[in-house]
Protein backbone atom coordinates (compact mmCIF):
# COMPACT_ATOMS: atom_id res chain seq x y z
CA UNK A 1 -38.35 39.96 44.59
CA UNK A 2 -38.35 36.16 44.74
CA UNK A 3 -39.78 34.86 48.00
CA UNK A 4 -36.43 33.46 49.14
CA UNK A 5 -34.73 36.85 48.67
CA UNK A 6 -37.35 38.92 50.48
CA UNK A 7 -36.23 40.34 53.82
CA UNK A 8 -38.03 39.24 56.89
CA UNK A 9 -40.78 41.66 58.11
CA UNK A 10 -41.26 42.53 61.80
CA UNK A 11 -44.59 41.41 63.05
CA UNK A 12 -44.69 44.61 65.03
CA UNK A 13 -46.42 47.46 65.62
CA UNK A 14 -50.08 48.30 65.52
CA UNK A 15 -50.98 51.50 67.19
CA UNK A 16 -53.45 52.35 69.84
CA UNK A 17 -53.69 56.02 69.26
CA UNK A 18 -56.08 58.93 68.94
CA UNK A 19 -55.55 61.50 66.21
CA UNK A 20 -56.51 65.09 66.80
CA UNK A 21 -59.96 64.31 65.46
CA UNK A 22 -60.50 61.55 68.01
CA UNK A 23 -60.36 58.80 65.37
CA UNK A 24 -58.42 55.62 66.06
CA UNK A 25 -55.12 55.42 64.07
CA UNK A 26 -53.81 52.17 62.78
CA UNK A 27 -50.17 51.51 61.95
CA UNK A 28 -49.59 48.27 60.10
CA UNK A 29 -46.31 46.31 60.21
CA UNK A 30 -43.83 47.31 57.57
CA UNK A 31 -40.26 46.53 56.76
CA UNK A 32 -37.91 48.30 59.12
CA UNK A 33 -40.34 48.82 62.04
CA UNK A 34 -38.18 49.88 64.99
CA UNK A 35 -38.34 48.72 68.53
CA UNK A 36 -36.16 49.41 71.51
CA UNK A 37 -34.55 46.79 73.69
CA UNK A 38 -36.90 44.18 75.25
CA UNK A 39 -35.24 44.72 78.65
CA UNK A 40 -37.66 45.21 81.49
CA UNK A 41 -37.88 48.74 82.92
CA UNK A 42 -35.74 49.54 85.95
CA UNK A 43 -38.61 50.92 88.01
CA UNK A 44 -42.30 49.95 87.49
CA UNK A 45 -45.54 50.80 89.11
CA UNK A 46 -45.96 47.02 89.40
CA UNK A 47 -43.21 46.65 91.93
CA UNK A 48 -44.47 49.52 94.01
CA UNK A 49 -47.86 47.72 94.15
CA UNK A 50 -46.22 44.37 95.14
CA UNK A 51 -46.16 42.66 91.79
CA UNK A 52 -43.41 41.07 89.84
CA UNK A 53 -41.62 43.33 87.29
CA UNK A 54 -42.67 41.12 84.31
CA UNK A 55 -45.67 40.93 81.94
CA UNK A 56 -47.77 38.85 84.41
CA UNK A 57 -47.05 41.41 87.23
CA UNK A 58 -47.70 44.41 84.99
CA UNK A 59 -51.10 43.03 84.01
CA UNK A 60 -52.09 42.12 87.53
CA UNK A 61 -51.02 45.54 88.88
CA UNK A 62 -52.92 47.27 86.17
CA UNK A 63 -55.99 45.15 86.80
CA UNK A 64 -55.74 46.35 90.49
CA UNK A 65 -55.63 49.99 89.59
CA UNK A 66 -58.37 49.47 86.94
CA UNK A 67 -60.56 47.86 89.58
CA UNK A 68 -60.06 50.85 91.94
CA UNK A 69 -61.20 53.19 89.11
CA UNK A 70 -64.04 51.06 87.66
CA UNK A 71 -62.24 50.46 84.40
CA UNK A 72 -63.44 47.18 82.79
CA UNK A 73 -61.07 44.58 81.43
CA UNK A 74 -59.69 41.05 82.05
CA UNK A 75 -56.26 39.53 82.16
CA UNK A 76 -56.90 37.66 78.86
CA UNK A 77 -58.07 40.73 77.09
CA UNK A 78 -55.12 42.74 78.10
CA UNK A 79 -52.68 39.92 77.42
CA UNK A 80 -54.06 39.28 73.98
CA UNK A 81 -53.74 42.92 72.98
CA UNK A 82 -50.29 43.41 74.51
CA UNK A 83 -48.87 40.40 72.46
CA UNK A 84 -50.40 41.72 69.33
CA UNK A 85 -49.34 45.30 69.83
CA UNK A 86 -45.73 44.91 71.19
CA UNK A 87 -44.95 41.22 71.74
CA UNK A 88 -44.64 42.15 75.43
CA UNK A 89 -41.81 44.63 75.03
CA UNK A 90 -42.46 47.62 77.32
CA UNK A 91 -39.83 49.67 75.45
CA UNK A 92 -41.47 49.17 71.99
CA UNK A 93 -41.69 52.39 69.89
CA UNK A 94 -43.05 52.90 66.45
CA UNK A 95 -40.70 55.32 64.58
CA UNK A 96 -42.12 55.07 61.12
CA UNK A 97 -45.84 55.83 60.89
CA UNK A 98 -47.68 59.11 60.58
CA UNK A 99 -47.78 59.63 64.38
CA UNK A 100 -43.99 59.25 64.50
CA UNK A 101 -43.60 61.66 61.51
CA UNK A 102 -45.68 64.15 63.51
CA UNK A 103 -43.31 63.71 66.42
CA UNK A 104 -45.67 61.60 68.60
CA UNK A 105 -44.61 57.97 68.19
CA UNK A 106 -46.63 55.13 69.60
CA UNK A 107 -44.96 53.67 72.72
CA UNK A 108 -44.96 50.85 75.19
CA UNK A 109 -46.84 47.62 75.63
CA UNK A 110 -50.04 48.86 74.04
CA UNK A 111 -48.51 51.38 71.67
CA UNK A 112 -50.08 54.53 73.01
CA UNK A 113 -49.15 58.04 71.71
CA UNK A 114 -48.37 60.62 74.37
CA UNK A 115 -51.56 62.80 73.90
CA UNK A 116 -53.76 59.70 74.36
CA UNK A 117 -51.69 58.56 77.33
CA UNK A 118 -52.04 62.00 78.97
CA UNK A 119 -55.79 62.10 78.18
CA UNK A 120 -56.37 58.68 79.62
CA UNK A 121 -53.82 58.54 82.33
CA UNK A 122 -55.16 56.93 85.53
CA UNK A 123 -54.20 58.18 89.00
CA UNK A 124 -52.11 55.74 90.94
CA UNK A 125 -49.88 55.02 87.94
CA UNK A 126 -46.71 56.73 86.65
CA UNK A 127 -46.81 59.63 84.20
CA UNK A 128 -44.04 57.75 82.21
CA UNK A 129 -45.74 56.31 79.09
CA UNK A 130 -43.12 53.54 79.04
CA UNK A 131 -44.13 52.39 82.53
CA UNK A 132 -45.86 49.08 81.78
CA UNK A 133 -48.70 49.48 84.32
CA UNK A 134 -49.25 53.18 83.38
CA UNK A 135 -49.28 52.23 79.68
CA UNK A 136 -51.70 49.22 80.14
CA UNK A 137 -54.04 51.17 82.43
CA UNK A 138 -54.20 54.30 80.17
CA UNK A 139 -54.82 52.08 77.06
CA UNK A 140 -57.53 50.12 78.88
CA UNK A 141 -59.08 53.36 80.07
CA UNK A 142 -59.05 54.58 76.38
CA UNK A 143 -60.42 51.21 75.13
CA UNK A 144 -63.19 51.39 77.74
CA UNK A 145 -64.25 54.85 76.56
CA UNK A 146 -64.10 53.86 72.91
CA UNK A 147 -65.05 50.24 72.77
CA UNK A 148 -66.51 49.48 76.20
CA UNK A 149 -63.58 47.38 77.27
CA UNK A 150 -60.15 46.19 76.18
CA UNK A 151 -61.84 42.83 76.03
CA UNK A 152 -63.81 44.07 73.01
CA UNK A 153 -60.73 44.80 70.97
CA UNK A 154 -59.73 41.94 68.70
CA UNK A 155 -57.78 43.78 65.99
CA UNK A 156 -56.41 47.11 65.13
CA UNK A 157 -57.64 49.96 67.25
């Protein structure tokens, strides 16, 4: 197809996920990647911790919970990965890759599949994988176990 006639591709979704073998799974952007509305969630762990219900508040609330549990990570490391994974959309979902085909799509700000979310869930956060603070905190807990810190992740997981 000539360049002018090519449809635009979504710069969306890489996946933070663990397959059954424990290997990281990567989902590259493809035509037709699907995301949900970019609206902020109605209820968030951030607000219950006294932070704004926006990306800044979600990261700050997650850092508070992470600090209570000894999970390493910085604001900048989290922010960089959130922007790359979901463009800051807490309702992002990948409905096209192999995880989705297996019935476990990657979800939320850091694109975590449900088994990974449950395995790395951190007490003090919601069990809703779309909750921004719960999603960030579980993903950072996973990244700490696998890479030492979310700060050490500069590309696909």
